[in-house]
Amino acid sequence: MSTPRVALPAVITLDARPWRVSCWVTARRRANPDDMGPERLVIRRARATDLSQVETVARATWPVAYAGIIPDAVQRRLLDRWYSQESLRGALVAQGSGFFVAESGGNVIGFAQLVRRSAESAELTRIYVLPDRQRSGIGRQLLDAALTELAAEGLKHLTVEVERDNGPGRRFYERAGFVEPRQVTRDVQGYMLTLVEYRRPILD
């Protein structure tokens, strides 16, 4: 898990212009199976109107991502706290925060948040894609959007924390260039999590 934490005061002002990129992808599932054309995928800055769908993505993704890693009762408690509409509204406007969504067919199918921690570094605090849309490059495009924004601001390093036993998550980050794993333990709302912290340069 990329663990949401309180954003530190940022020394860098967020660009007010929306970050947006479009591409074409082939969906793995469609409402109409006879429609085999490509769907337009848009990576853009999140808006307040997206937050209910962001919560839906999180609640669909967590039971799959954290099965056998985080107990179900703890998952529900953390989801209720971190993905309430009030909490998400705060994350969206927090100083130093960058919140992106992946949108396809008018629906949010993934999201990512980064937080500036200093003049040179930022942390990827969460990134999730709906289970049936994973392994199609959407997560990497969300990450690339974050890296592009940070590079434009001159930041040097991006860090992320992921559960030690989360093999798919760790492989995703390692393939994306995150290195220097360091084990850490966090008390997350009364539940002790053993995590691995990775870091990578903003620019390869």
C-alpha atoms as a PDB file:
ATOM      1  CA  MET A   1       0.000   0.000   0.000  1.00  0.00           C
ATOM      2  CA  SER A   2       1.093   3.523  -0.678  1.00  0.00           C
ATOM      3  CA  THR A   3       0.001   4.862   2.687  1.00  0.00           C
ATOM      4  CA  PRO A   4      -1.795   8.245   2.667  1.00  0.00           C
ATOM      5  CA  ARG A   5      -0.241  10.555   5.213  1.00  0.00           C
ATOM      6  CA  VAL A   6      -0.667  14.191   6.144  1.00  0.00           C
ATOM      7  CA  ALA A   7       1.000  16.421   3.573  1.00  0.00           C
ATOM      8  CA  LEU A   8       3.916  18.455   4.875  1.00  0.00           C
ATOM      9  CA  PRO A   9       3.990  22.158   4.041  1.00  0.00           C
ATOM     10  CA  ALA A  10       5.222  22.386   0.479  1.00  0.00           C
ATOM     11  CA  VAL A  11       7.839  24.811  -0.705  1.00  0.00           C
ATOM     12  CA  ILE A  12       6.637  24.486  -4.285  1.00  0.00           C
ATOM     13  CA  THR A  13       3.413  26.019  -5.549  1.00  0.00           C
ATOM     14  CA  LEU A  14       1.135  23.776  -7.583  1.00  0.00           C
ATOM     15  CA  ASP A  15       0.650  24.722 -11.222  1.00  0.00           C
ATOM     16  CA  ALA A  16      -2.959  25.830 -11.615  1.00  0.00           C
ATOM     17  CA  ARG A  17      -3.177  24.463 -15.160  1.00  0.00           C
ATOM     18  CA  PRO A  18      -4.702  20.965 -15.428  1.00  0.00           C
ATOM     19  CA  TRP A  19      -2.298  18.205 -16.455  1.00  0.00           C
ATOM     20  CA  ARG A  20      -3.883  16.151 -19.186  1.00  0.00           C
ATOM     21  CA  VAL A  21      -2.813  13.526 -21.687  1.00  0.00           C
ATOM     22  CA  SER A  22      -4.903  11.332 -23.952  1.00  0.00           C
ATOM     23  CA  CYS A  23      -4.197   8.018 -25.600  1.00  0.00           C
ATOM     24  CA  TRP A  24      -6.096   5.068 -27.024  1.00  0.00           C
ATOM     25  CA  VAL A  25      -6.287   1.721 -25.271  1.00  0.00           C
ATOM     26  CA  THR A  26      -8.148  -1.505 -25.871  1.00  0.00           C
ATOM     27  CA  ALA A  27     -10.429  -2.223 -22.933  1.00  0.00           C
ATOM     28  CA  ARG A  28     -10.345  -5.681 -21.381  1.00  0.00           C
ATOM     29  CA  ARG A  29     -14.098  -5.528 -20.727  1.00  0.00           C
ATOM     30  CA  ARG A  30     -16.851  -3.632 -22.489  1.00  0.00           C
ATOM     31  CA  ALA A  31     -20.521  -2.971 -21.914  1.00  0.00           C
ATOM     32  CA  ASN A  32     -21.121  -4.023 -25.522  1.00  0.00           C
ATOM     33  CA  PRO A  33     -18.935  -7.022 -26.431  1.00  0.00           C
ATOM     34  CA  ASP A  34     -19.614  -6.424 -30.128  1.00  0.00           C
ATOM     35  CA  ASP A  35     -17.882  -3.032 -29.941  1.00  0.00           C
ATOM     36  CA  MET A  36     -14.240  -3.926 -30.502  1.00  0.00           C
ATOM     37  CA  GLY A  37     -12.961  -0.418 -31.163  1.00  0.00           C
ATOM     38  CA  PRO A  38     -10.404   1.277 -28.904  1.00  0.00           C
ATOM     39  CA  GLU A  39     -11.467   3.341 -25.911  1.00  0.00           C
ATOM     40  CA  ARG A  40      -9.998   6.753 -25.196  1.00  0.00           C
ATOM     41  CA  LEU A  41      -8.012   6.867 -21.982  1.00  0.00           C
ATOM     42  CA  VAL A  42      -7.428  10.266 -20.408  1.00  0.00           C
ATOM     43  CA  ILE A  43      -4.961  10.921 -17.601  1.00  0.00           C
ATOM     44  CA  ARG A  44      -5.852  14.228 -15.967  1.00  0.00           C
ATOM     45  CA  ARG A  45      -5.977  16.135 -12.730  1.00  0.00           C
ATOM     46  CA  ALA A  46      -8.726  14.947 -10.399  1.00  0.00           C
ATOM     47  CA  ARG A  47     -11.748  17.121  -9.751  1.00  0.00           C
ATOM     48  CA  ALA A  48     -14.149  17.185  -6.820  1.00  0.00           C
ATOM     49  CA  THR A  49     -16.775  15.517  -8.999  1.00  0.00           C
ATOM     50  CA  ASP A  50     -14.474  12.498  -9.406  1.00  0.00           C
ATOM     51  CA  LEU A  51     -14.182  11.673  -5.729  1.00  0.00           C
ATOM     52  CA  SER A  52     -17.135   9.308  -5.423  1.00  0.00           C
ATOM     53  CA  GLN A  53     -15.664   7.237  -8.250  1.00  0.00           C
ATOM     54  CA  VAL A  54     -12.206   7.389  -6.653  1.00  0.00           C
ATOM     55  CA  GLU A  55     -13.760   5.865  -3.533  1.00  0.00           C
ATOM     56  CA  THR A  56     -15.421   3.177  -5.663  1.00  0.00           C
ATOM     57  CA  VAL A  57     -12.089   2.264  -7.273  1.00  0.00           C
ATOM     58  CA  ALA A  58     -10.407   2.019  -3.875  1.00  0.00           C
ATOM     59  CA  ARG A  59     -13.138  -0.180  -2.405  1.00  0.00           C
ATOM     60  CA  ALA A  60     -13.029  -2.490  -5.428  1.00  0.00           C
ATOM     61  CA  THR A  61      -9.228  -2.702  -5.472  1.00  0.00           C
ATOM     62  CA  TRP A  62      -8.241  -3.105  -1.837  1.00  0.00           C
ATOM     63  CA  PRO A  63      -9.815  -6.555  -1.194  1.00  0.00           C
ATOM     64  CA  VAL A  64      -7.901  -7.892  -4.197  1.00  0.00           C
ATOM     65  CA  ALA A  65      -4.611  -6.103  -3.543  1.00  0.00           C
ATOM     66  CA  TYR A  66      -4.432  -6.807   0.188  1.00  0.00           C
ATOM     67  CA  ALA A  67      -5.980 -10.271   0.518  1.00  0.00           C
ATOM     68  CA  GLY A  68      -3.873 -12.163   3.034  1.00  0.00           C
ATOM     69  CA  ILE A  69      -1.823  -9.048   3.810  1.00  0.00           C
ATOM     70  CA  ILE A  70      -4.197  -6.738   5.692  1.00  0.00           C
ATOM     71  CA  PRO A  71      -7.144  -8.223   7.636  1.00  0.00           C
ATOM     72  CA  ASP A  72     -10.559  -7.440   6.181  1.00  0.00           C
ATOM     73  CA  ALA A  73     -11.692  -5.545   9.279  1.00  0.00           C
ATOM     74  CA  VAL A  74      -8.602  -3.329   9.144  1.00  0.00           C
ATOM     75  CA  GLN A  75      -9.135  -2.718   5.430  1.00  0.00           C
ATOM     76  CA  ARG A  76     -12.689  -1.558   6.082  1.00  0.00           C
ATOM     77  CA  ARG A  77     -11.555   0.755   8.875  1.00  0.00           C
ATOM     78  CA  LEU A  78      -8.817   2.330   6.764  1.00  0.00           C
ATOM     79  CA  LEU A  79     -11.068   2.684   3.721  1.00  0.00           C
ATOM     80  CA  ASP A  80     -13.728   4.401   5.801  1.00  0.00           C
ATOM     81  CA  ARG A  81     -11.133   6.827   7.135  1.00  0.00           C
ATOM     82  CA  TRP A  82      -8.985   7.522   4.066  1.00  0.00           C
ATOM     83  CA  TYR A  83     -11.660   7.313   1.370  1.00  0.00           C
ATOM     84  CA  SER A  84     -14.557   9.140   2.939  1.00  0.00           C
ATOM     85  CA  GLN A  85     -15.645  12.065   0.797  1.00  0.00           C
ATOM     86  CA  GLU A  86     -14.411  14.480   3.463  1.00  0.00           C
ATOM     87  CA  SER A  87     -10.955  12.882   3.539  1.00  0.00           C
ATOM     88  CA  LEU A  88     -10.688  12.805  -0.258  1.00  0.00           C
ATOM     89  CA  ARG A  89     -11.750  16.450  -0.553  1.00  0.00           C
ATOM     90  CA  GLY A  90      -8.967  17.336   1.855  1.00  0.00           C
ATOM     91  CA  ALA A  91      -6.424  15.305  -0.142  1.00  0.00           C
ATOM     92  CA  LEU A  92      -7.507  16.967  -3.366  1.00  0.00           C
ATOM     93  CA  VAL A  93      -6.797  20.503  -2.154  1.00  0.00           C
ATOM     94  CA  ALA A  94      -3.924  19.847   0.264  1.00  0.00           C
ATOM     95  CA  GLN A  95      -0.894  22.040  -0.297  1.00  0.00           C
ATOM     96  CA  GLY A  96       1.807  20.113  -2.126  1.00  0.00           C
ATOM     97  CA  SER A  97      -0.576  17.398  -3.317  1.00  0.00           C
ATOM     98  CA  GLY A  98      -1.026  16.282  -6.913  1.00  0.00           C
ATOM     99  CA  PHE A  99      -4.047  14.040  -7.566  1.00  0.00           C
ATOM    100  CA  PHE A 100      -4.522  12.345 -10.948  1.00  0.00           C
ATOM    101  CA  VAL A 101      -7.225  10.103 -12.370  1.00  0.00           C
ATOM    102  CA  ALA A 102      -7.367   7.734 -15.318  1.00  0.00           C
ATOM    103  CA  GLU A 103     -10.694   8.121 -17.114  1.00  0.00           C
ATOM    104  CA  SER A 104     -12.151   5.870 -19.808  1.00  0.00           C
ATOM    105  CA  GLY A 105     -15.645   6.028 -21.246  1.00  0.00           C
ATOM    106  CA  GLY A 106     -16.536   8.781 -18.788  1.00  0.00           C
ATOM    107  CA  ASN A 107     -15.610   6.619 -15.784  1.00  0.00           C
ATOM    108  CA  VAL A 108     -12.682   6.872 -13.382  1.00  0.00           C
ATOM    109  CA  ILE A 109     -10.825   3.556 -13.542  1.00  0.00           C
ATOM    110  CA  GLY A 110      -7.673   4.478 -11.637  1.00  0.00           C
ATOM    111  CA  PHE A 111      -6.032   7.228  -9.625  1.00  0.00           C
ATOM    112  CA  ALA A 112      -2.740   8.325  -8.101  1.00  0.00           C
ATOM    113  CA  GLN A 113      -1.659  10.927  -5.569  1.00  0.00           C
ATOM    114  CA  LEU A 114       1.746  12.407  -4.888  1.00  0.00           C
ATOM    115  CA  VAL A 115       2.820  14.761  -2.128  1.00  0.00           C
ATOM    116  CA  ARG A 116       5.776  17.124  -2.237  1.00  0.00           C
ATOM    117  CA  ARG A 117       7.923  16.474   0.838  1.00  0.00           C
ATOM    118  CA  SER A 118      10.734  18.966   0.221  1.00  0.00           C
ATOM    119  CA  ALA A 119      12.215  21.166  -2.474  1.00  0.00           C
ATOM    120  CA  GLU A 120      13.815  18.066  -4.029  1.00  0.00           C
ATOM    121  CA  SER A 121      11.618  15.088  -3.197  1.00  0.00           C
ATOM    122  CA  ALA A 122       8.039  13.866  -3.348  1.00  0.00           C
ATOM    123  CA  GLU A 123       6.220  10.739  -2.225  1.00  0.00           C
ATOM    124  CA  LEU A 124       3.771   8.652  -4.215  1.00  0.00           C
ATOM    125  CA  THR A 125       1.171   8.137  -1.509  1.00  0.00           C
ATOM    126  CA  ARG A 126      -1.370   6.050  -3.449  1.00  0.00           C
ATOM    127  CA  ILE A 127      -1.924   4.544  -6.872  1.00  0.00           C
ATOM    128  CA  TYR A 128      -4.695   2.082  -7.787  1.00  0.00           C
ATOM    129  CA  VAL A 129      -6.346   0.771 -10.958  1.00  0.00           C
ATOM    130  CA  LEU A 130      -9.536  -1.311 -11.093  1.00  0.00           C
ATOM    131  CA  PRO A 131      -8.616  -5.018 -10.988  1.00  0.00           C
ATOM    132  CA  ASP A 132     -10.108  -5.809 -14.410  1.00  0.00           C
ATOM    133  CA  ARG A 133      -8.174  -2.921 -16.007  1.00  0.00           C
ATOM    134  CA  GLN A 134      -4.776  -3.758 -14.536  1.00  0.00           C
ATOM    135  CA  ARG A 135      -1.809  -5.040 -16.549  1.00  0.00           C
ATOM    136  CA  SER A 136      -2.694  -2.747 -19.447  1.00  0.00           C
ATOM    137  CA  GLY A 137      -0.267   0.092 -18.722  1.00  0.00           C
ATOM    138  CA  ILE A 138      -2.713   2.411 -16.944  1.00  0.00           C
ATOM    139  CA  GLY A 139      -0.809   2.422 -13.665  1.00  0.00           C
ATOM    140  CA  ARG A 140       2.398   3.312 -15.463  1.00  0.00           C
ATOM    141  CA  GLN A 141       0.669   6.159 -17.286  1.00  0.00           C
ATOM    142  CA  LEU A 142      -0.573   7.556 -13.977  1.00  0.00           C
ATOM    143  CA  LEU A 143       2.962   7.313 -12.599  1.00  0.00           C
ATOM    144  CA  ASP A 144       4.378   8.991 -15.715  1.00  0.00           C
ATOM    145  CA  ALA A 145       1.933  11.874 -15.279  1.00  0.00           C
ATOM    146  CA  ALA A 146       3.231  12.406 -11.753  1.00  0.00           C
ATOM    147  CA  LEU A 147       6.864  12.187 -12.867  1.00  0.00           C
ATOM    148  CA  THR A 148       6.292  14.661 -15.695  1.00  0.00           C
ATOM    149  CA  GLU A 149       4.795  17.223 -13.339  1.00  0.00           C
ATOM    150  CA  LEU A 150       7.571  16.798 -10.778  1.00  0.00           C
ATOM    151  CA  ALA A 151      10.299  17.001 -13.426  1.00  0.00           C
ATOM    152  CA  ALA A 152       8.863  20.304 -14.664  1.00  0.00           C
ATOM    153  CA  GLU A 153       9.230  21.667 -11.133  1.00  0.00           C
ATOM    154  CA  GLY A 154      12.831  20.520 -10.818  1.00  0.00           C
ATOM    155  CA  LEU A 155      12.308  17.870  -8.133  1.00  0.00           C
ATOM    156  CA  LYS A 156      14.937  15.125  -7.982  1.00  0.00           C
ATOM    157  CA  HIS A 157      13.546  12.043  -6.204  1.00  0.00           C
ATOM    158  CA  LEU A 158      10.257  10.163  -5.779  1.00  0.00           C
ATOM    159  CA  THR A 159       9.694   7.671  -2.954  1.00  0.00           C
ATOM    160  CA  VAL A 160       6.963   5.123  -2.310  1.00  0.00           C
ATOM    161  CA  GLU A 161       6.134   2.658   0.455  1.00  0.00           C
ATOM    162  CA  VAL A 162       4.565  -0.738  -0.276  1.00  0.00           C
ATOM    163  CA  GLU A 163       3.761  -3.739   1.915  1.00  0.00           C
ATOM    164  CA  ARG A 164       6.704  -6.125   2.223  1.00  0.00           C
ATOM    165  CA  ASP A 165       4.506  -9.090   1.219  1.00  0.00           C
ATOM    166  CA  ASN A 166       2.765  -7.323  -1.669  1.00  0.00           C
ATOM    167  CA  GLY A 167       4.575  -9.084  -4.512  1.00  0.00           C
ATOM    168  CA  PRO A 168       2.599  -7.587  -7.436  1.00  0.00           C
ATOM    169  CA  GLY A 169       2.948  -4.084  -6.021  1.00  0.00           C
ATOM    170  CA  ARG A 170       6.671  -4.457  -5.463  1.00  0.00           C
ATOM    171  CA  ARG A 171       7.193  -5.804  -8.981  1.00  0.00           C
ATOM    172  CA  PHE A 172       5.271  -2.856 -10.423  1.00  0.00           C
ATOM    173  CA  TYR A 173       7.528  -0.356  -8.664  1.00  0.00           C
ATOM    174  CA  GLU A 174      10.730  -2.236  -9.475  1.00  0.00           C
ATOM    175  CA  ARG A 175       9.829  -2.371 -13.170  1.00  0.00           C
ATOM    176  CA  ALA A 176       9.134   1.369 -12.981  1.00  0.00           C
ATOM    177  CA  GLY A 177      12.685   2.073 -11.833  1.00  0.00           C
ATOM    178  CA  PHE A 178      12.276   2.209  -8.053  1.00  0.00           C
ATOM    179  CA  VAL A 179      15.376   0.929  -6.252  1.00  0.00           C
ATOM    180  CA  GLU A 180      17.159   1.008  -2.883  1.00  0.00           C
ATOM    181  CA  PRO A 181      14.535  -0.967  -0.916  1.00  0.00           C
ATOM    182  CA  ARG A 182      14.541  -0.228   2.795  1.00  0.00           C
ATOM    183  CA  GLN A 183      12.251  -1.990   5.276  1.00  0.00           C
ATOM    184  CA  VAL A 184      10.209   0.211   7.588  1.00  0.00           C
ATOM    185  CA  THR A 185       7.404  -0.393  10.078  1.00  0.00           C
ATOM    186  CA  ARG A 186       4.444   1.970  10.402  1.00  0.00           C
ATOM    187  CA  ASP A 187       1.652   2.156  12.934  1.00  0.00           C
ATOM    188  CA  VAL A 188      -1.285   2.730  10.594  1.00  0.00           C
ATOM    189  CA  GLN A 189      -4.345   3.653  12.623  1.00  0.00           C
ATOM    190  CA  GLY A 190      -3.391   1.123  15.312  1.00  0.00           C
ATOM    191  CA  TYR A 191      -2.304  -1.645  12.924  1.00  0.00           C
ATOM    192  CA  MET A 192       1.395  -2.365  12.466  1.00  0.00           C
ATOM    193  CA  LEU A 193       2.418  -2.675   8.823  1.00  0.00           C
ATOM    194  CA  THR A 194       5.790  -3.891   7.604  1.00  0.00           C
ATOM    195  CA  LEU A 195       6.591  -1.913   4.489  1.00  0.00           C
ATOM    196  CA  VAL A 196       9.389  -1.486   1.999  1.00  0.00           C
ATOM    197  CA  GLU A 197      10.371   2.028   0.971  1.00  0.00           C
ATOM    198  CA  TYR A 198      11.694   2.505  -2.567  1.00  0.00           C
ATOM    199  CA  ARG A 199      13.046   5.571  -4.317  1.00  0.00           C
ATOM    200  CA  ARG A 200      13.835   6.552  -7.878  1.00  0.00           C
ATOM    201  CA  PRO A 201      15.124   9.644  -9.670  1.00  0.00           C
ATOM    202  CA  ILE A 202      12.427  11.818 -11.196  1.00  0.00           C
ATOM    203  CA  LEU A 203      14.364  11.792 -14.453  1.00  0.00           C
ATOM    204  CA  ASP A 204      15.905   8.521 -15.669  1.00  0.00           C
END
